[in-house]
N, C-alpha and C. Protein backbone atom coordinates (compact mmCIF):
# COMPACT_ATOMS: atom_id res chain seq x y z
N MET A 1 -35.80 3.00 83.47
CA MET A 1 -36.75 3.22 84.10
C MET A 1 -36.47 3.63 85.60
N PRO A 2 -36.10 4.36 85.85
CA PRO A 2 -35.16 4.66 88.02
C PRO A 2 -36.54 4.87 88.36
N SER A 3 -36.53 4.39 89.61
CA SER A 3 -37.71 4.52 90.55
C SER A 3 -36.94 5.72 91.37
N LEU A 4 -38.21 6.75 92.15
CA LEU A 4 -38.01 8.16 92.63
C LEU A 4 -38.15 7.85 94.00
N ASN A 5 -38.17 6.68 94.16
CA ASN A 5 -37.71 5.98 95.74
C ASN A 5 -37.60 4.76 95.84
N PRO A 6 -36.62 4.00 95.80
CA PRO A 6 -36.05 2.83 95.26
C PRO A 6 -35.94 2.01 96.91
N ASP A 7 -36.79 2.65 97.80
CA ASP A 7 -36.69 1.42 98.74
C ASP A 7 -37.74 0.18 98.60
N PRO A 8 -37.24 -0.95 99.07
CA PRO A 8 -37.48 -2.08 98.31
C PRO A 8 -38.54 -2.58 99.25
N LYS A 9 -38.87 -2.10 100.06
CA LYS A 9 -39.90 -2.60 100.87
C LYS A 9 -41.14 -1.88 100.88
N TYR A 10 -41.48 -1.41 99.49
CA TYR A 10 -42.63 -0.76 98.69
C TYR A 10 -42.80 -1.60 97.50
N ALA A 11 -43.98 -1.89 97.26
CA ALA A 11 -44.03 -2.29 95.96
C ALA A 11 -44.02 -1.70 94.52
N ILE A 12 -43.40 -1.82 93.40
CA ILE A 12 -43.02 -1.19 92.53
C ILE A 12 -44.76 -0.80 91.94
N HIS A 13 -44.80 0.49 91.71
CA HIS A 13 -45.78 1.37 91.17
C HIS A 13 -45.37 2.00 89.89
N TYR A 14 -45.37 1.88 88.55
CA TYR A 14 -45.28 2.60 87.61
C TYR A 14 -46.30 3.44 86.83
N TYR A 15 -45.58 4.78 86.95
CA TYR A 15 -46.72 5.77 86.35
C TYR A 15 -46.46 6.02 84.90
N VAL A 16 -47.07 6.04 84.18
CA VAL A 16 -47.31 5.70 82.42
C VAL A 16 -48.28 7.16 81.78
N ASN A 17 -47.43 8.43 81.41
CA ASN A 17 -48.01 9.41 80.49
C ASN A 17 -49.17 8.85 79.38
N GLY A 18 -49.75 10.37 79.52
CA GLY A 18 -51.08 10.00 78.18
C GLY A 18 -50.52 10.48 77.18
N ILE A 19 -51.24 11.12 76.66
CA ILE A 19 -51.12 11.64 75.21
C ILE A 19 -50.78 13.34 75.23
N GLN A 20 -49.40 13.17 74.39
CA GLN A 20 -48.70 14.78 73.95
C GLN A 20 -48.29 14.94 75.63
N ASN A 21 -47.57 14.10 76.33
CA ASN A 21 -47.03 14.28 77.63
C ASN A 21 -45.35 14.11 77.09
N THR A 22 -44.88 15.43 78.06
CA THR A 22 -43.24 15.42 77.76
C THR A 22 -43.05 14.38 78.68
N LEU A 23 -41.31 14.32 78.80
CA LEU A 23 -40.96 13.61 79.92
C LEU A 23 -41.03 14.23 81.46
N LYS A 24 -40.64 15.62 80.77
CA LYS A 24 -41.00 16.63 82.06
C LYS A 24 -42.46 16.85 82.85
N ASP A 25 -43.64 16.52 81.92
CA ASP A 25 -44.69 16.07 82.69
C ASP A 25 -44.77 14.40 83.07
N ASN A 26 -43.89 13.71 82.64
CA ASN A 26 -44.46 12.83 83.35
C ASN A 26 -43.77 12.34 84.74
N LEU A 27 -42.09 12.90 84.92
CA LEU A 27 -41.72 13.34 85.97
C LEU A 27 -42.71 13.88 87.08
N ALA A 28 -43.39 14.90 86.61
CA ALA A 28 -43.91 15.91 87.39
C ALA A 28 -45.31 15.04 87.95
N GLY A 29 -45.68 14.01 87.13
CA GLY A 29 -46.82 13.28 87.49
C GLY A 29 -46.64 12.10 88.60
N ALA A 30 -44.87 11.42 88.04
CA ALA A 30 -44.98 10.30 88.74
C ALA A 30 -44.42 10.90 90.24
N ARG A 31 -43.70 11.83 90.64
CA ARG A 31 -43.59 13.04 91.58
C ARG A 31 -44.69 13.42 92.70
N THR A 32 -45.91 13.76 91.90
CA THR A 32 -47.01 14.17 92.24
C THR A 32 -47.85 12.41 93.21
N LEU A 33 -47.46 11.60 92.10
CA LEU A 33 -48.43 10.39 92.82
C LEU A 33 -47.21 9.73 94.23
N LEU A 34 -45.78 10.06 93.85
CA LEU A 34 -45.67 9.59 95.10
C LEU A 34 -45.83 10.73 96.63
N LYS A 35 -45.74 12.13 96.20
CA LYS A 35 -46.00 13.16 97.00
C LYS A 35 -47.48 12.79 97.19
N THR A 36 -48.59 12.09 97.25
CA THR A 36 -50.02 11.41 97.64
C THR A 36 -49.90 10.96 98.25
N TYR A 37 -48.80 9.64 98.08
CA TYR A 37 -48.53 8.89 99.46
C TYR A 37 -47.51 8.86 100.34
N GLY A 38 -47.43 10.47 100.32
CA GLY A 38 -46.62 10.59 101.65
C GLY A 38 -45.34 10.23 101.57
N GLY A 39 -44.84 9.70 100.32
CA GLY A 39 -43.00 9.27 100.02
C GLY A 39 -42.69 7.96 100.42
N LYS A 40 -44.09 7.28 100.69
CA LYS A 40 -44.34 5.92 100.99
C LYS A 40 -44.59 4.78 100.01
N ALA A 41 -43.89 5.21 98.72
CA ALA A 41 -43.97 4.45 97.93
C ALA A 41 -42.77 3.97 96.73
N ASN A 42 -43.01 3.22 95.76
CA ASN A 42 -41.82 3.08 94.98
C ASN A 42 -42.31 3.10 93.48
N ILE A 43 -42.61 4.81 93.19
CA ILE A 43 -42.98 4.91 91.98
C ILE A 43 -41.92 5.18 90.85
N VAL A 44 -42.44 4.38 89.72
CA VAL A 44 -41.17 4.40 88.55
C VAL A 44 -41.87 5.17 87.72
N PRO A 45 -41.92 6.40 86.89
CA PRO A 45 -42.10 6.74 85.92
C PRO A 45 -42.13 6.03 84.67
N ALA A 46 -42.56 5.55 83.66
CA ALA A 46 -42.68 4.91 82.72
C ALA A 46 -42.71 5.91 81.40
N TYR A 47 -41.75 6.61 80.61
CA TYR A 47 -42.14 7.38 79.66
C TYR A 47 -42.34 7.30 78.35
N SER A 48 -43.47 6.86 77.98
CA SER A 48 -43.90 6.63 76.17
C SER A 48 -43.43 8.19 75.70
N THR A 49 -42.72 7.68 74.89
CA THR A 49 -42.15 9.08 74.27
C THR A 49 -43.72 9.78 73.34
N THR A 50 -43.58 11.03 73.11
CA THR A 50 -44.89 11.55 72.24
C THR A 50 -44.58 11.77 70.80
N PHE A 51 -45.43 11.60 70.21
CA PHE A 51 -45.31 11.66 68.67
C PHE A 51 -45.58 13.13 68.17
N GLY A 52 -46.90 13.57 68.95
CA GLY A 52 -47.74 14.65 68.12
C GLY A 52 -49.19 14.45 69.09
N LYS A 53 -49.99 15.31 68.35
CA LYS A 53 -51.21 14.83 68.92
C LYS A 53 -52.31 13.76 68.31
N LYS A 54 -52.01 14.41 66.62
CA LYS A 54 -52.58 13.43 65.63
C LYS A 54 -51.58 12.09 65.85
N ASP A 55 -50.53 11.53 65.96
CA ASP A 55 -49.38 10.32 65.80
C ASP A 55 -50.02 9.70 67.24
N ASP A 56 -50.11 10.70 68.34
CA ASP A 56 -50.42 9.94 69.45
C ASP A 56 -51.97 9.02 69.64
N LEU A 57 -52.45 10.00 69.01
CA LEU A 57 -53.77 9.33 69.07
C LEU A 57 -54.07 7.88 67.96
N LYS A 58 -53.43 8.35 66.87
CA LYS A 58 -53.46 6.89 65.77
C LYS A 58 -52.73 5.65 66.79
N SER A 59 -51.32 5.73 67.50
CA SER A 59 -50.95 4.68 68.59
C SER A 59 -52.06 4.55 69.71
N VAL A 60 -53.03 5.33 69.99
CA VAL A 60 -53.88 4.49 71.06
C VAL A 60 -55.12 3.57 70.05
N TYR A 61 -55.41 4.21 69.02
CA TYR A 61 -56.26 3.27 67.80
C TYR A 61 -55.89 2.19 67.47
N LYS A 62 -54.45 1.94 67.60
CA LYS A 62 -53.61 0.87 67.05
C LYS A 62 -53.15 -0.09 67.87
N SER A 63 -53.23 0.70 69.54
CA SER A 63 -53.06 -0.27 70.72
C SER A 63 -54.17 -0.95 70.89
N LYS A 64 -55.67 -0.59 70.72
CA LYS A 64 -56.80 -0.93 71.35
C LYS A 64 -57.33 -1.64 70.19
N ASN A 65 -57.04 -1.78 69.03
CA ASN A 65 -57.46 -2.24 67.64
C ASN A 65 -56.18 -3.44 67.21
N ASP A 66 -55.26 -3.49 67.49
CA ASP A 66 -54.01 -4.39 66.75
C ASP A 66 -53.22 -5.18 68.09
N PRO A 67 -53.74 -6.36 68.54
CA PRO A 67 -53.41 -7.09 69.57
C PRO A 67 -51.73 -7.06 69.17
N ASN A 68 -51.44 -6.72 67.78
CA ASN A 68 -49.70 -7.04 67.89
C ASN A 68 -49.01 -5.65 67.72
N TYR A 69 -49.78 -4.74 67.88
CA TYR A 69 -49.04 -3.29 67.76
C TYR A 69 -48.39 -3.23 68.53
N SER A 70 -47.04 -2.62 68.47
CA SER A 70 -45.69 -2.83 68.85
C SER A 70 -44.93 -1.06 68.71
N THR A 71 -44.14 -0.84 70.00
CA THR A 71 -43.42 0.32 69.94
C THR A 71 -42.21 -0.07 70.62
N ASP A 72 -41.31 0.58 70.48
CA ASP A 72 -40.20 0.46 71.34
C ASP A 72 -40.80 0.23 72.85
N PHE A 73 -41.27 1.45 73.18
CA PHE A 73 -41.98 1.94 74.91
C PHE A 73 -42.50 0.45 74.96
N ILE A 74 -43.63 -0.19 74.46
CA ILE A 74 -44.11 -1.57 74.28
C ILE A 74 -43.51 -2.82 74.95
N ARG A 75 -42.35 -2.61 73.51
CA ARG A 75 -41.50 -3.75 74.25
C ARG A 75 -40.68 -3.39 75.21
N ARG A 76 -39.87 -2.37 75.45
CA ARG A 76 -39.21 -1.92 76.32
C ARG A 76 -40.19 -2.33 78.14
N PHE A 77 -41.09 -1.83 78.21
CA PHE A 77 -41.71 -2.05 79.11
C PHE A 77 -42.68 -3.43 79.29
N SER A 78 -42.94 -4.29 78.13
CA SER A 78 -43.11 -5.59 78.46
C SER A 78 -42.25 -6.62 79.40
N ARG A 79 -40.49 -6.00 78.78
CA ARG A 79 -39.46 -6.74 79.38
C ARG A 79 -39.48 -6.48 80.66
N GLU A 80 -39.84 -5.07 81.24
CA GLU A 80 -39.48 -4.60 82.53
C GLU A 80 -39.97 -5.30 83.76
N LEU A 81 -41.52 -5.23 83.21
CA LEU A 81 -42.81 -5.99 83.62
C LEU A 81 -42.35 -7.54 84.02
N LYS A 82 -41.97 -8.00 82.88
CA LYS A 82 -41.98 -9.96 82.92
C LYS A 82 -40.49 -9.82 84.06
N PHE A 83 -39.06 -8.81 83.67
CA PHE A 83 -38.53 -8.91 84.95
C PHE A 83 -38.78 -9.18 86.13
N ASN A 84 -39.55 -7.87 86.30
CA ASN A 84 -40.40 -7.28 87.55
C ASN A 84 -40.94 -8.29 88.42
N ILE A 85 -41.93 -8.78 87.72
CA ILE A 85 -42.85 -10.43 88.19
C ILE A 85 -41.53 -11.50 88.25
N LEU A 86 -41.25 -11.73 87.41
CA LEU A 86 -40.53 -13.00 87.47
C LEU A 86 -39.80 -12.91 88.81
N SER A 87 -38.72 -11.74 88.40
CA SER A 87 -38.14 -11.54 90.06
C SER A 87 -39.05 -11.89 91.80
N LEU A 88 -40.43 -11.24 91.72
CA LEU A 88 -40.96 -11.83 93.01
C LEU A 88 -41.50 -12.53 92.71
N GLU A 89 -41.47 -13.40 91.75
CA GLU A 89 -42.09 -14.60 92.10
C GLU A 89 -41.20 -15.66 92.42
N MET A 90 -39.60 -15.42 92.17
CA MET A 90 -38.29 -16.59 92.57
C MET A 90 -37.69 -16.37 93.59
N LEU A 91 -37.99 -14.83 94.44
CA LEU A 91 -38.51 -14.40 96.06
C LEU A 91 -38.94 -14.89 96.97
N GLN A 92 -40.37 -14.94 95.67
CA GLN A 92 -41.44 -15.37 97.01
C GLN A 92 -41.75 -13.91 97.59
N ASP A 93 -41.97 -13.21 96.97
CA ASP A 93 -41.89 -12.00 97.61
C ASP A 93 -43.81 -11.92 97.14
N ALA A 94 -44.73 -11.46 97.81
CA ALA A 94 -45.89 -11.66 97.97
C ALA A 94 -46.79 -10.17 97.37
N ARG A 95 -45.39 -9.17 97.41
CA ARG A 95 -45.93 -8.17 96.50
C ARG A 95 -46.26 -7.87 95.66
N LYS A 96 -47.07 -7.01 95.17
CA LYS A 96 -48.07 -6.89 93.96
C LYS A 96 -47.08 -5.69 93.17
N ILE A 97 -47.45 -5.57 91.65
CA ILE A 97 -46.66 -4.49 90.58
C ILE A 97 -48.10 -3.65 90.46
N PHE A 98 -48.03 -2.27 90.50
CA PHE A 98 -49.16 -1.62 90.17
C PHE A 98 -48.87 -0.54 89.34
N ILE A 99 -49.59 -0.31 88.66
CA ILE A 99 -49.40 0.40 87.17
C ILE A 99 -51.08 1.66 86.97
N THR A 100 -50.13 2.89 87.30
CA THR A 100 -51.16 3.91 86.68
C THR A 100 -51.32 4.87 85.81
N GLY A 101 -52.19 4.47 84.40
CA GLY A 101 -51.97 5.04 83.18
C GLY A 101 -52.67 5.70 82.74
N PHE A 102 -52.19 6.89 81.88
CA PHE A 102 -53.59 7.50 81.69
C PHE A 102 -53.18 8.02 80.07
N SER A 103 -54.81 7.64 79.49
CA SER A 103 -55.17 7.61 78.11
C SER A 103 -54.21 7.51 77.59
N ARG A 104 -53.53 7.78 76.28
CA ARG A 104 -52.30 6.70 75.75
C ARG A 104 -51.62 5.65 76.37
N GLY A 105 -51.12 6.04 77.50
CA GLY A 105 -50.30 5.18 78.36
C GLY A 105 -51.19 4.02 78.90
N SER A 106 -52.36 3.89 79.11
CA SER A 106 -53.18 2.84 79.53
C SER A 106 -53.55 2.15 78.26
N ALA A 107 -53.70 2.54 76.90
CA ALA A 107 -53.71 1.84 75.87
C ALA A 107 -52.54 1.32 75.94
N LEU A 108 -51.79 1.73 75.45
CA LEU A 108 -50.66 1.19 75.46
C LEU A 108 -50.13 -0.34 76.21
N LEU A 109 -50.38 -0.03 77.83
CA LEU A 109 -50.14 -1.06 78.31
C LEU A 109 -50.91 -2.36 78.38
N ARG A 110 -51.87 -2.30 77.38
CA ARG A 110 -52.57 -3.43 77.01
C ARG A 110 -51.74 -4.47 76.16
N ASN A 111 -50.94 -3.64 75.24
CA ASN A 111 -50.23 -4.32 74.68
C ASN A 111 -48.90 -4.67 74.88
N SER A 112 -48.54 -3.69 76.02
CA SER A 112 -47.26 -4.60 76.48
C SER A 112 -47.37 -5.52 77.62
N LEU A 113 -48.68 -5.87 78.05
CA LEU A 113 -48.61 -6.99 79.01
C LEU A 113 -49.24 -8.37 77.86
N ARG A 114 -49.65 -8.41 76.63
CA ARG A 114 -49.86 -9.41 75.57
C ARG A 114 -48.18 -9.60 75.00
N ALA A 115 -47.01 -8.40 75.19
CA ALA A 115 -46.03 -8.63 74.22
C ALA A 115 -45.05 -9.52 74.77
N GLY A 116 -44.63 -10.24 73.79
CA GLY A 116 -43.70 -11.76 74.77
C GLY A 116 -43.14 -12.51 73.65
């Protein structure tokens, strides 16, 4: 999950895509968010692979109703979040981590934050 603007003076801001979004859609949305902030942000696109409309909707349902539901994305994103949180704490850095998630991305975030 490389940053679009790796300037360390900005807090990490993850952009997580929604239902049926391709990697191209995810990157375009993340670039738009960076542009919205005038380039003064550390936007990190976090792409959650689409499985098609039906299976994406199933994953939203499972994410919302089963606290143990997991996917490769949930496990990977959970590790990434924990690493960044611990790094900020160890450096006594007051910056926070921000996440913008859409539809399915928002549902998967819940399980990513619980995973561990």
